[in-house]
Amino acid sequence: MNQSWQLYIVRTAAGILYTGITTDVIRRVNQHQNGRGARALRGKGPLDLVFHCEAGDRARASQLEYQVKQLTRQQKLLLVASQPASLEDWFS
C-alpha cells in the first residue's frame, strides 16, 4: 500500500522551527501539541503549523526532510514565507 507522505514545519512558542514528515499532518501536530509527539517539542507549545506540502513516498519524504533540516534558519524562514507547492521545485 502506497501512502502519500507530507513534510511539515511547526514553530514553537520560542520561535524554534521543527521539521517532520507524516501521512496525516493534522493528527501529527495534535500529537505534538498533546506531548505525545517528538521529545524535542514537549513543553515547547503552543505550536503553530507554518508549512506543509506533499512529499511523495516514505523514502522521498525522508530525503526532503533531511534537505530541509540542513537549511539555515534564514533559509527555512524563506521557505515558510514562500509556501512553495513543491519542494522539488524549490530546491532546484
Protein backbone atom coordinates (compact mmCIF):
# COMPACT_ATOMS: atom_id res chain seq x y z
CA MET A 1 0.00 0.00 0.00
CA ASN A 2 1.47 3.33 -1.09
CA GLN A 3 0.72 6.16 1.32
CA SER A 4 1.19 9.80 0.47
CA TRP A 5 3.63 11.43 2.86
CA GLN A 6 3.80 15.09 3.75
CA LEU A 7 6.54 17.28 5.13
CA TYR A 8 5.59 19.84 7.75
CA ILE A 9 7.19 22.62 9.77
CA VAL A 10 5.87 23.84 13.12
CA ARG A 11 7.01 26.88 15.08
CA THR A 12 7.27 26.67 18.87
CA ALA A 13 6.31 29.48 21.24
CA ALA A 14 10.02 30.39 21.40
CA GLY A 15 10.21 30.61 17.59
CA ILE A 16 12.09 27.36 17.00
CA LEU A 17 11.26 25.65 13.70
CA TYR A 18 10.76 21.88 13.82
CA THR A 19 10.57 19.80 10.63
CA GLY A 20 8.95 16.39 10.35
CA ILE A 21 7.15 14.02 8.00
CA THR A 22 3.86 12.18 8.37
CA THR A 23 0.91 10.73 6.48
CA ASP A 24 -1.55 12.90 8.44
CA VAL A 25 -0.33 16.42 9.30
CA ILE A 26 -3.28 17.43 11.50
CA ARG A 27 -3.08 14.23 13.57
CA ARG A 28 0.69 14.61 13.98
CA VAL A 29 0.53 18.28 15.01
CA ASN A 30 -2.17 17.38 17.55
CA GLN A 31 0.11 14.66 18.91
CA HIS A 32 2.89 17.21 19.29
CA GLN A 33 0.52 19.67 20.99
CA ASN A 34 -0.53 16.99 23.48
CA GLY A 35 3.03 15.96 24.34
CA ARG A 36 2.82 12.60 22.54
CA GLY A 37 4.98 13.56 19.56
CA ALA A 38 8.69 14.24 19.31
CA ARG A 39 10.53 14.79 22.59
CA ALA A 40 12.11 17.92 21.14
CA LEU A 41 8.68 19.58 21.18
CA ARG A 42 7.45 18.51 24.61
CA GLY A 43 6.72 21.52 26.76
CA LYS A 44 7.51 23.91 23.90
CA GLY A 45 3.90 24.78 22.99
CA PRO A 46 1.77 26.25 21.82
CA LEU A 47 2.80 25.09 18.37
CA ASP A 48 1.91 26.76 15.10
CA LEU A 49 1.83 24.80 11.83
CA VAL A 50 3.62 27.17 9.45
CA PHE A 51 4.23 24.95 6.41
CA HIS A 52 3.23 21.62 4.91
CA CYS A 53 3.34 20.06 1.46
CA GLU A 54 3.19 16.73 -0.34
CA ALA A 55 6.46 14.81 -0.20
CA GLY A 56 5.81 11.60 -2.17
CA ASP A 57 6.52 8.17 -0.75
CA ARG A 58 8.27 7.46 2.57
CA ALA A 59 11.75 7.36 1.04
CA ARG A 60 11.36 10.65 -0.82
CA ALA A 61 9.77 12.31 2.21
CA SER A 62 12.77 11.28 4.33
CA GLN A 63 15.14 12.73 1.74
CA LEU A 64 13.26 16.02 1.64
CA GLU A 65 13.13 16.14 5.44
CA TYR A 66 16.90 15.75 5.55
CA GLN A 67 17.35 18.52 2.98
CA VAL A 68 15.12 20.91 4.91
CA LYS A 69 16.86 20.12 8.19
CA GLN A 70 20.18 21.07 6.56
CA LEU A 71 18.90 24.57 5.77
CA THR A 72 19.87 27.53 7.91
CA ARG A 73 17.19 29.22 9.98
CA GLN A 74 17.03 32.08 7.47
CA GLN A 75 16.55 29.63 4.58
CA LYS A 76 13.77 27.86 6.50
CA LEU A 77 12.07 31.20 7.13
CA LEU A 78 12.30 31.93 3.41
CA LEU A 79 10.77 28.53 2.67
CA VAL A 80 7.91 29.23 5.08
CA ALA A 81 7.38 32.72 3.62
CA SER A 82 7.32 31.48 0.02
CA GLN A 83 4.99 28.50 0.71
CA PRO A 84 6.02 26.58 -2.44
CA ALA A 85 3.59 23.97 -3.75
CA SER A 86 6.54 21.66 -4.46
CA LEU A 87 9.76 21.27 -2.51
CA GLU A 88 11.28 19.59 -5.55
CA ASP A 89 10.97 22.85 -7.48
CA TRP A 90 12.06 24.97 -4.52
CA PHE A 91 15.31 23.03 -4.10
CA SER A 92 16.15 23.13 -7.82
